[in-house]
Amino acid sequence: MNTITKILSCAFLGFLVFTSVTFGQDKALQQLIQGKKMFWEARFDQASSHLKEVIGIPGAKTEYLFEAYLYLGFVLMRQNAPGSEVNAAFEQAVKIDPKRRLDELVIPPDLTSRFDSVRNRLVGCLYIQSEPPDAKLVVLYEDSVIYNFTTPSVLCELLTKNYQILLTKDGYEQQFLPLQLTGGKMDTLSVTLHSTSTEQKKGGKRAWIWVARGGIVTTAAAVLYKTVLSGGGDNLENLPAPPSRPPR
C-alpha cells in the first residue's frame, strides 16, 4: 500500500468514526427530546423507553445522560416505583453532574424536592476565599488535577471522593488542605496566605502553617481555618503554638 493510499484510508476511517459519533449524538438528542415530551404528556411507558435508549448509547454527551437519568427518575416517581429505583436514577444523574440544580419554575415541587434530597446526601459545596485574593486554586483527586480556579470560587463536589486543594500565589507560601464538604450545605473556607519574605503576625500571635520537604504538611491550623480564621483576627489569640519543623 503506497503512501497516498494509506492517507486516503486513514482519512476515510476518520470520516467514518466522526460520522458514527455524530450520528450517535444526534440519536441520543432525539431520543431525549422524545422522552421528555412523553413525560410531560404523562405517557410514562413511552418516556421510559426513550430515556433508556439515551442511556444505552455509547459516548452520549454528559448533559444528555444527566437529563435522561433525571427524567427517568421523574417517570419512576409518577409510576409509583419503589423508592430505591427512583433514588438510583437520581444518584446517577448527580454523579454525572454534581453542580447541576433544577429550575423550580419548570419542575414540579415534589419532583424537585425528591431530587434535592438525593443530591444533598451526595454533594457538598464550599465557598473558598483567600487573603490576598486572586490566589491560584487547584483541586486534586489522587494524582490528577480536577479543577484550576482563582479565589474566590465556589466548588460543589461528591462527598465520596477525597479531594485536596492547593492554593498558591507569587510571593506567598503555598498551602495544601484536605477538601472538607458537608452534604447539602454551602460552607465557607477562608485561608490567609503568608508572605515568603517576612514572618506574618497578627494580634501578637503567629498564624502558622509550614511546608516540609517532599510535600506540604497540614497542621492543626488547617482544621481551624473555617471556624477560626474566617471568624476574625481576634480568634487567632487562641491558636496553639506552631509545631516543630521536621528534621532536615
C-alpha atoms as a PDB file:
ATOM      1  CA  MET A   1       0.000   0.000   0.000  1.00  0.00           C
ATOM      2  CA  ASN A   2       1.546   3.295  -1.104  1.00  0.00           C
ATOM      3  CA  THR A   3       1.614   6.474   0.962  1.00  0.00           C
ATOM      4  CA  ILE A   4      -1.299   8.149  -0.809  1.00  0.00           C
ATOM      5  CA  THR A   5      -3.473   5.057  -0.348  1.00  0.00           C
ATOM      6  CA  LYS A   6      -2.608   4.942   3.364  1.00  0.00           C
ATOM      7  CA  ILE A   7      -3.505   8.618   3.780  1.00  0.00           C
ATOM      8  CA  LEU A   8      -6.801   8.155   1.993  1.00  0.00           C
ATOM      9  CA  SER A   9      -7.600   5.057   4.063  1.00  0.00           C
ATOM     10  CA  CYS A  10      -6.873   6.903   7.324  1.00  0.00           C
ATOM     11  CA  ALA A  11      -8.927   9.875   6.218  1.00  0.00           C
ATOM     12  CA  PHE A  12     -11.842   7.615   5.278  1.00  0.00           C
ATOM     13  CA  LEU A  13     -11.587   5.771   8.608  1.00  0.00           C
ATOM     14  CA  GLY A  14     -11.573   9.094  10.474  1.00  0.00           C
ATOM     15  CA  PHE A  15     -14.619  10.204   8.497  1.00  0.00           C
ATOM     16  CA  LEU A  16     -16.458   7.009   9.433  1.00  0.00           C
ATOM     17  CA  VAL A  17     -15.614   7.457  13.128  1.00  0.00           C
ATOM     18  CA  PHE A  18     -16.697  11.111  13.039  1.00  0.00           C
ATOM     19  CA  THR A  19     -19.921  10.203  11.250  1.00  0.00           C
ATOM     20  CA  SER A  20     -20.626   7.417  13.731  1.00  0.00           C
ATOM     21  CA  VAL A  21     -20.071   9.672  16.760  1.00  0.00           C
ATOM     22  CA  THR A  22     -22.170  12.464  15.243  1.00  0.00           C
ATOM     23  CA  PHE A  23     -24.949  10.029  14.408  1.00  0.00           C
ATOM     24  CA  GLY A  24     -24.841   8.658  17.963  1.00  0.00           C
ATOM     25  CA  GLN A  25     -25.120  12.132  19.497  1.00  0.00           C
ATOM     26  CA  ASP A  26     -27.962  13.074  17.156  1.00  0.00           C
ATOM     27  CA  LYS A  27     -29.777   9.873  18.058  1.00  0.00           C
ATOM     28  CA  ALA A  28     -29.241  10.495  21.774  1.00  0.00           C
ATOM     29  CA  LEU A  29     -30.607  14.026  21.489  1.00  0.00           C
ATOM     30  CA  GLN A  30     -33.669  12.951  19.531  1.00  0.00           C
ATOM     31  CA  GLN A  31     -34.418  10.146  21.978  1.00  0.00           C
ATOM     32  CA  LEU A  32     -34.017  12.565  24.903  1.00  0.00           C
ATOM     33  CA  ILE A  33     -36.378  15.104  23.343  1.00  0.00           C
ATOM     34  CA  GLN A  34     -38.968  12.386  22.773  1.00  0.00           C
ATOM     35  CA  GLY A  35     -38.522  11.003  26.279  1.00  0.00           C
ATOM     36  CA  LYS A  36     -39.073  14.394  27.888  1.00  0.00           C
ATOM     37  CA  LYS A  37     -42.048  15.094  25.623  1.00  0.00           C
ATOM     38  CA  MET A  38     -43.652  11.763  26.556  1.00  0.00           C
ATOM     39  CA  PHE A  39     -43.117  12.503  30.239  1.00  0.00           C
ATOM     40  CA  TRP A  40     -44.862  15.871  30.120  1.00  0.00           C
ATOM     41  CA  GLU A  41     -47.711  14.217  28.209  1.00  0.00           C
ATOM     42  CA  ALA A  42     -47.958  11.610  31.011  1.00  0.00           C
ATOM     43  CA  ARG A  43     -47.133   8.796  28.587  1.00  0.00           C
ATOM     44  CA  PHE A  44     -44.724   7.263  31.075  1.00  0.00           C
ATOM     45  CA  ASP A  45     -44.039   3.873  29.479  1.00  0.00           C
ATOM     46  CA  GLN A  46     -43.040   5.510  26.201  1.00  0.00           C
ATOM     47  CA  ALA A  47     -40.991   8.104  28.068  1.00  0.00           C
ATOM     48  CA  SER A  48     -39.094   5.393  29.924  1.00  0.00           C
ATOM     49  CA  SER A  49     -38.313   3.570  26.680  1.00  0.00           C
ATOM     50  CA  HIS A  50     -36.866   6.675  25.007  1.00  0.00           C
ATOM     51  CA  LEU A  51     -34.841   7.682  28.061  1.00  0.00           C
ATOM     52  CA  LYS A  52     -33.316   4.208  28.394  1.00  0.00           C
ATOM     53  CA  GLU A  53     -32.323   4.430  24.731  1.00  0.00           C
ATOM     54  CA  VAL A  54     -30.296   7.556  25.545  1.00  0.00           C
ATOM     55  CA  ILE A  55     -28.594   5.824  28.468  1.00  0.00           C
ATOM     56  CA  GLY A  56     -27.676   2.873  26.265  1.00  0.00           C
ATOM     57  CA  ILE A  57     -25.944   4.931  23.552  1.00  0.00           C
ATOM     58  CA  PRO A  58     -22.127   4.643  23.904  1.00  0.00           C
ATOM     59  CA  GLY A  59     -20.391   8.002  24.259  1.00  0.00           C
ATOM     60  CA  ALA A  60     -23.571  10.050  24.676  1.00  0.00           C
ATOM     61  CA  LYS A  61     -22.863  13.574  25.918  1.00  0.00           C
ATOM     62  CA  THR A  62     -22.892  14.027  29.668  1.00  0.00           C
ATOM     63  CA  GLU A  63     -25.667  16.631  29.509  1.00  0.00           C
ATOM     64  CA  TYR A  64     -27.862  14.149  27.619  1.00  0.00           C
ATOM     65  CA  LEU A  65     -27.128  11.399  30.150  1.00  0.00           C
ATOM     66  CA  PHE A  66     -27.831  13.711  33.088  1.00  0.00           C
ATOM     67  CA  GLU A  67     -31.265  14.618  31.755  1.00  0.00           C
ATOM     68  CA  ALA A  68     -32.013  11.036  30.754  1.00  0.00           C
ATOM     69  CA  TYR A  69     -31.393   9.776  34.302  1.00  0.00           C
ATOM     70  CA  LEU A  70     -33.153  12.803  35.780  1.00  0.00           C
ATOM     71  CA  TYR A  71     -36.326  12.317  33.760  1.00  0.00           C
ATOM     72  CA  LEU A  72     -36.167   8.579  34.276  1.00  0.00           C
ATOM     73  CA  GLY A  73     -36.337   9.329  37.995  1.00  0.00           C
ATOM     74  CA  PHE A  74     -39.325  11.599  37.345  1.00  0.00           C
ATOM     75  CA  VAL A  75     -41.031   8.838  35.361  1.00  0.00           C
ATOM     76  CA  LEU A  76     -40.431   6.306  38.126  1.00  0.00           C
ATOM     77  CA  MET A  77     -41.920   8.696  40.676  1.00  0.00           C
ATOM     78  CA  ARG A  78     -45.048   9.165  38.600  1.00  0.00           C
ATOM     79  CA  GLN A  79     -45.313   5.383  38.218  1.00  0.00           C
ATOM     80  CA  ASN A  80     -45.057   4.929  41.997  1.00  0.00           C
ATOM     81  CA  ALA A  81     -41.954   2.788  41.584  1.00  0.00           C
ATOM     82  CA  PRO A  82     -40.012   1.662  44.689  1.00  0.00           C
ATOM     83  CA  GLY A  83     -38.030   4.462  46.302  1.00  0.00           C
ATOM     84  CA  SER A  84     -34.763   2.623  45.734  1.00  0.00           C
ATOM     85  CA  GLU A  85     -35.317   2.709  41.962  1.00  0.00           C
ATOM     86  CA  VAL A  86     -36.143   6.420  41.994  1.00  0.00           C
ATOM     87  CA  ASN A  87     -33.098   7.210  44.121  1.00  0.00           C
ATOM     88  CA  ALA A  88     -30.829   5.103  41.915  1.00  0.00           C
ATOM     89  CA  ALA A  89     -31.825   7.103  38.828  1.00  0.00           C
ATOM     90  CA  PHE A  90     -31.288  10.433  40.592  1.00  0.00           C
ATOM     91  CA  GLU A  91     -27.970   9.259  42.027  1.00  0.00           C
ATOM     92  CA  GLN A  92     -26.686   8.512  38.539  1.00  0.00           C
ATOM     93  CA  ALA A  93     -27.707  11.994  37.400  1.00  0.00           C
ATOM     94  CA  VAL A  94     -25.962  13.627  40.365  1.00  0.00           C
ATOM     95  CA  LYS A  95     -22.767  11.639  39.809  1.00  0.00           C
ATOM     96  CA  ILE A  96     -22.692  12.790  36.193  1.00  0.00           C
ATOM     97  CA  ASP A  97     -23.053  16.481  37.135  1.00  0.00           C
ATOM     98  CA  PRO A  98     -22.810  17.266  40.880  1.00  0.00           C
ATOM     99  CA  LYS A  99     -23.173  21.022  40.255  1.00  0.00           C
ATOM    100  CA  ARG A 100     -26.499  20.843  38.438  1.00  0.00           C
ATOM    101  CA  ARG A 101     -29.534  22.324  40.175  1.00  0.00           C
ATOM    102  CA  LEU A 102     -33.119  22.121  38.973  1.00  0.00           C
ATOM    103  CA  ASP A 103     -35.250  25.003  37.781  1.00  0.00           C
ATOM    104  CA  GLU A 104     -38.056  25.210  40.325  1.00  0.00           C
ATOM    105  CA  LEU A 105     -40.108  27.330  37.951  1.00  0.00           C
ATOM    106  CA  VAL A 106     -40.235  24.433  35.482  1.00  0.00           C
ATOM    107  CA  ILE A 107     -40.038  21.253  37.557  1.00  0.00           C
ATOM    108  CA  PRO A 108     -42.946  20.495  39.948  1.00  0.00           C
ATOM    109  CA  PRO A 109     -42.090  20.888  43.662  1.00  0.00           C
ATOM    110  CA  ASP A 110     -42.465  17.204  44.579  1.00  0.00           C
ATOM    111  CA  LEU A 111     -40.003  16.179  41.860  1.00  0.00           C
ATOM    112  CA  THR A 112     -37.554  18.933  42.763  1.00  0.00           C
ATOM    113  CA  SER A 113     -37.733  18.074  46.450  1.00  0.00           C
ATOM    114  CA  ARG A 114     -37.042  14.381  45.864  1.00  0.00           C
ATOM    115  CA  PHE A 115     -34.083  15.099  43.582  1.00  0.00           C
ATOM    116  CA  ASP A 116     -32.665  17.647  46.039  1.00  0.00           C
ATOM    117  CA  SER A 117     -32.902  15.171  48.906  1.00  0.00           C
ATOM    118  CA  VAL A 118     -30.786  12.703  46.933  1.00  0.00           C
ATOM    119  CA  ARG A 119     -28.332  15.379  45.826  1.00  0.00           C
ATOM    120  CA  ASN A 120     -27.945  16.693  49.372  1.00  0.00           C
ATOM    121  CA  ARG A 121     -26.825  13.247  50.547  1.00  0.00           C
ATOM    122  CA  LEU A 122     -24.146  13.098  47.870  1.00  0.00           C
ATOM    123  CA  VAL A 123     -22.909  16.656  47.293  1.00  0.00           C
ATOM    124  CA  GLY A 124     -21.456  19.447  49.389  1.00  0.00           C
ATOM    125  CA  CYS A 125     -20.384  22.949  48.378  1.00  0.00           C
ATOM    126  CA  LEU A 126     -17.580  25.178  49.625  1.00  0.00           C
ATOM    127  CA  TYR A 127     -17.009  28.886  49.061  1.00  0.00           C
ATOM    128  CA  ILE A 128     -13.229  29.341  49.114  1.00  0.00           C
ATOM    129  CA  GLN A 129     -11.719  32.782  49.637  1.00  0.00           C
ATOM    130  CA  SER A 130      -8.172  33.870  50.359  1.00  0.00           C
ATOM    131  CA  GLU A 131      -6.234  36.814  51.665  1.00  0.00           C
ATOM    132  CA  PRO A 132      -4.782  38.108  49.429  1.00  0.00           C
ATOM    133  CA  PRO A 133      -7.450  37.326  46.806  1.00  0.00           C
ATOM    134  CA  ASP A 134      -6.836  36.006  43.287  1.00  0.00           C
ATOM    135  CA  ALA A 135      -4.738  33.105  44.527  1.00  0.00           C
ATOM    136  CA  LYS A 136      -4.453  30.103  42.241  1.00  0.00           C
ATOM    137  CA  LEU A 137      -6.732  27.317  43.495  1.00  0.00           C
ATOM    138  CA  VAL A 138      -6.013  23.799  42.257  1.00  0.00           C
ATOM    139  CA  VAL A 139      -8.261  20.869  43.207  1.00  0.00           C
ATOM    140  CA  LEU A 140      -6.592  17.457  43.191  1.00  0.00           C
ATOM    141  CA  TYR A 141      -8.032  13.963  43.256  1.00  0.00           C
ATOM    142  CA  GLU A 142      -5.450  11.225  43.684  1.00  0.00           C
ATOM    143  CA  ASP A 143      -2.768  12.160  41.133  1.00  0.00           C
ATOM    144  CA  SER A 144      -4.948  14.244  38.844  1.00  0.00           C
ATOM    145  CA  VAL A 145      -5.817  17.943  38.680  1.00  0.00           C
ATOM    146  CA  ILE A 146      -9.612  18.194  38.591  1.00  0.00           C
ATOM    147  CA  TYR A 147     -10.113  21.982  38.638  1.00  0.00           C
ATOM    148  CA  ASN A 148      -7.974  25.071  38.281  1.00  0.00           C
ATOM    149  CA  PHE A 149      -9.599  28.287  39.569  1.00  0.00           C
ATOM    150  CA  THR A 150      -8.674  31.542  41.254  1.00  0.00           C
ATOM    151  CA  THR A 151     -10.076  32.695  44.573  1.00  0.00           C
ATOM    152  CA  PRO A 152     -12.773  33.411  45.471  1.00  0.00           C
ATOM    153  CA  SER A 153     -14.528  30.373  43.964  1.00  0.00           C
ATOM    154  CA  VAL A 154     -17.407  28.030  44.720  1.00  0.00           C
ATOM    155  CA  LEU A 155     -16.751  24.308  44.499  1.00  0.00           C
ATOM    156  CA  CYS A 156     -19.507  21.679  44.581  1.00  0.00           C
ATOM    157  CA  GLU A 157     -18.462  18.029  44.558  1.00  0.00           C
ATOM    158  CA  LEU A 158     -19.329  14.500  45.615  1.00  0.00           C
ATOM    159  CA  LEU A 159     -18.743  13.637  49.260  1.00  0.00           C
ATOM    160  CA  THR A 160     -17.468  10.167  48.386  1.00  0.00           C
ATOM    161  CA  LYS A 161     -14.157  11.408  46.952  1.00  0.00           C
ATOM    162  CA  ASN A 162     -11.167  12.582  48.956  1.00  0.00           C
ATOM    163  CA  TYR A 163     -10.135  15.826  47.293  1.00  0.00           C
ATOM    164  CA  GLN A 164      -7.179  18.037  48.186  1.00  0.00           C
ATOM    165  CA  ILE A 165      -6.837  21.747  47.445  1.00  0.00           C
ATOM    166  CA  LEU A 166      -3.649  23.673  46.778  1.00  0.00           C
ATOM    167  CA  LEU A 167      -3.542  27.482  46.995  1.00  0.00           C
ATOM    168  CA  THR A 168      -0.574  29.380  45.575  1.00  0.00           C
ATOM    169  CA  LYS A 169       0.326  32.968  44.784  1.00  0.00           C
ATOM    170  CA  ASP A 170       3.643  34.523  43.800  1.00  0.00           C
ATOM    171  CA  GLY A 171       5.460  35.812  46.856  1.00  0.00           C
ATOM    172  CA  TYR A 172       3.393  33.736  49.310  1.00  0.00           C
ATOM    173  CA  GLU A 173       3.702  30.311  50.903  1.00  0.00           C
ATOM    174  CA  GLN A 174       1.600  27.665  49.233  1.00  0.00           C
ATOM    175  CA  GLN A 175      -0.991  25.857  51.298  1.00  0.00           C
ATOM    176  CA  PHE A 176      -2.274  22.333  50.823  1.00  0.00           C
ATOM    177  CA  LEU A 177      -5.510  21.335  52.575  1.00  0.00           C
ATOM    178  CA  PRO A 178      -7.977  18.456  52.530  1.00  0.00           C
ATOM    179  CA  LEU A 179     -11.287  19.461  50.997  1.00  0.00           C
ATOM    180  CA  GLN A 180     -13.968  19.040  53.642  1.00  0.00           C
ATOM    181  CA  LEU A 181     -17.564  19.190  52.422  1.00  0.00           C
ATOM    182  CA  THR A 182     -20.888  18.956  54.250  1.00  0.00           C
ATOM    183  CA  GLY A 183     -23.758  17.291  52.400  1.00  0.00           C
ATOM    184  CA  GLY A 184     -26.465  19.707  51.301  1.00  0.00           C
ATOM    185  CA  LYS A 185     -24.673  22.784  52.653  1.00  0.00           C
ATOM    186  CA  MET A 186     -22.599  25.704  51.412  1.00  0.00           C
ATOM    187  CA  ASP A 187     -19.674  26.149  53.813  1.00  0.00           C
ATOM    188  CA  THR A 188     -17.023  28.875  53.713  1.00  0.00           C
ATOM    189  CA  LEU A 189     -13.282  28.351  53.865  1.00  0.00           C
ATOM    190  CA  SER A 190     -11.130  31.452  54.439  1.00  0.00           C
ATOM    191  CA  VAL A 191      -7.390  30.971  54.010  1.00  0.00           C
ATOM    192  CA  THR A 192      -4.649  33.504  54.760  1.00  0.00           C
ATOM    193  CA  LEU A 193      -1.531  33.115  52.628  1.00  0.00           C
ATOM    194  CA  HIS A 194       1.663  34.243  54.363  1.00  0.00           C
ATOM    195  CA  SER A 195       4.408  36.183  52.641  1.00  0.00           C
ATOM    196  CA  THR A 196       7.602  34.253  51.957  1.00  0.00           C
ATOM    197  CA  SER A 197       9.751  37.322  52.681  1.00  0.00           C
ATOM    198  CA  THR A 198       8.507  38.287  56.145  1.00  0.00           C
ATOM    199  CA  GLU A 199       7.052  36.486  59.113  1.00  0.00           C
ATOM    200  CA  GLN A 200       3.405  37.489  59.437  1.00  0.00           C
ATOM    201  CA  LYS A 201       1.997  38.299  62.868  1.00  0.00           C
ATOM    202  CA  LYS A 202      -1.397  39.411  63.949  1.00  0.00           C
ATOM    203  CA  GLY A 203      -2.700  40.167  67.445  1.00  0.00           C
ATOM    204  CA  GLY A 204       0.707  39.240  68.892  1.00  0.00           C
ATOM    205  CA  LYS A 205       0.401  35.595  67.849  1.00  0.00           C
ATOM    206  CA  ARG A 206       1.526  33.798  64.729  1.00  0.00           C
ATOM    207  CA  ALA A 207      -0.993  32.327  62.312  1.00  0.00           C
ATOM    208  CA  TRP A 208       1.036  29.425  61.006  1.00  0.00           C
ATOM    209  CA  ILE A 209       1.297  26.656  58.528  1.00  0.00           C
ATOM    210  CA  TRP A 210       4.529  25.215  57.208  1.00  0.00           C
ATOM    211  CA  VAL A 211       5.969  23.229  54.367  1.00  0.00           C
ATOM    212  CA  ALA A 212       8.083  20.097  54.661  1.00  0.00           C
ATOM    213  CA  ARG A 213      10.409  18.725  52.025  1.00  0.00           C
ATOM    214  CA  GLY A 214       8.721  16.200  49.719  1.00  0.00           C
ATOM    215  CA  GLY A 215       5.229  17.515  50.308  1.00  0.00           C
ATOM    216  CA  ILE A 216       3.123  20.088  52.099  1.00  0.00           C
ATOM    217  CA  VAL A 217       2.211  19.193  55.673  1.00  0.00           C
ATOM    218  CA  THR A 218      -1.146  20.394  57.002  1.00  0.00           C
ATOM    219  CA  THR A 219      -1.030  21.304  60.698  1.00  0.00           C
ATOM    220  CA  ALA A 220      -3.888  21.762  63.130  1.00  0.00           C
ATOM    221  CA  ALA A 221      -4.283  25.294  61.790  1.00  0.00           C
ATOM    222  CA  ALA A 222      -5.788  23.828  58.637  1.00  0.00           C
ATOM    223  CA  VAL A 223      -8.652  22.419  60.657  1.00  0.00           C
ATOM    224  CA  LEU A 224      -9.182  25.828  62.243  1.00  0.00           C
ATOM    225  CA  TYR A 225      -9.349  27.844  59.035  1.00  0.00           C
ATOM    226  CA  LYS A 226     -13.101  27.527  58.582  1.00  0.00           C
ATOM    227  CA  THR A 227     -14.010  28.114  62.225  1.00  0.00           C
ATOM    228  CA  VAL A 228     -11.231  30.416  63.415  1.00  0.00           C
ATOM    229  CA  LEU A 229      -9.642  32.403  60.609  1.00  0.00           C
ATOM    230  CA  SER A 230     -12.963  33.125  58.941  1.00  0.00           C
ATOM    231  CA  GLY A 231     -14.276  34.410  62.251  1.00  0.00           C
ATOM    232  CA  GLY A 232     -11.886  37.354  62.525  1.00  0.00           C
ATOM    233  CA  GLY A 233      -8.409  38.184  63.733  1.00  0.00           C
ATOM    234  CA  ASP A 234      -9.286  38.192  67.451  1.00  0.00           C
ATOM    235  CA  ASN A 235      -9.681  34.411  67.354  1.00  0.00           C
ATOM    236  CA  LEU A 236      -6.041  33.984  66.406  1.00  0.00           C
ATOM    237  CA  GLU A 237      -5.147  34.586  70.061  1.00  0.00           C
ATOM    238  CA  ASN A 238      -6.426  31.096  70.815  1.00  0.00           C
ATOM    239  CA  LEU A 239      -4.214  29.274  68.341  1.00  0.00           C
ATOM    240  CA  PRO A 240      -1.705  26.845  69.900  1.00  0.00           C
ATOM    241  CA  ALA A 241       1.998  27.267  69.372  1.00  0.00           C
ATOM    242  CA  PRO A 242       3.278  26.116  65.973  1.00  0.00           C
ATOM    243  CA  PRO A 243       4.665  22.581  65.699  1.00  0.00           C
ATOM    244  CA  SER A 244       8.352  21.859  65.385  1.00  0.00           C
ATOM    245  CA  ARG A 245       9.664  21.715  61.850  1.00  0.00           C
ATOM    246  CA  PRO A 246      10.668  18.247  60.625  1.00  0.00           C
ATOM    247  CA  PRO A 247      14.416  17.477  60.925  1.00  0.00           C
ATOM    248  CA  ARG A 248      16.470  18.194  57.843  1.00  0.00           C
END
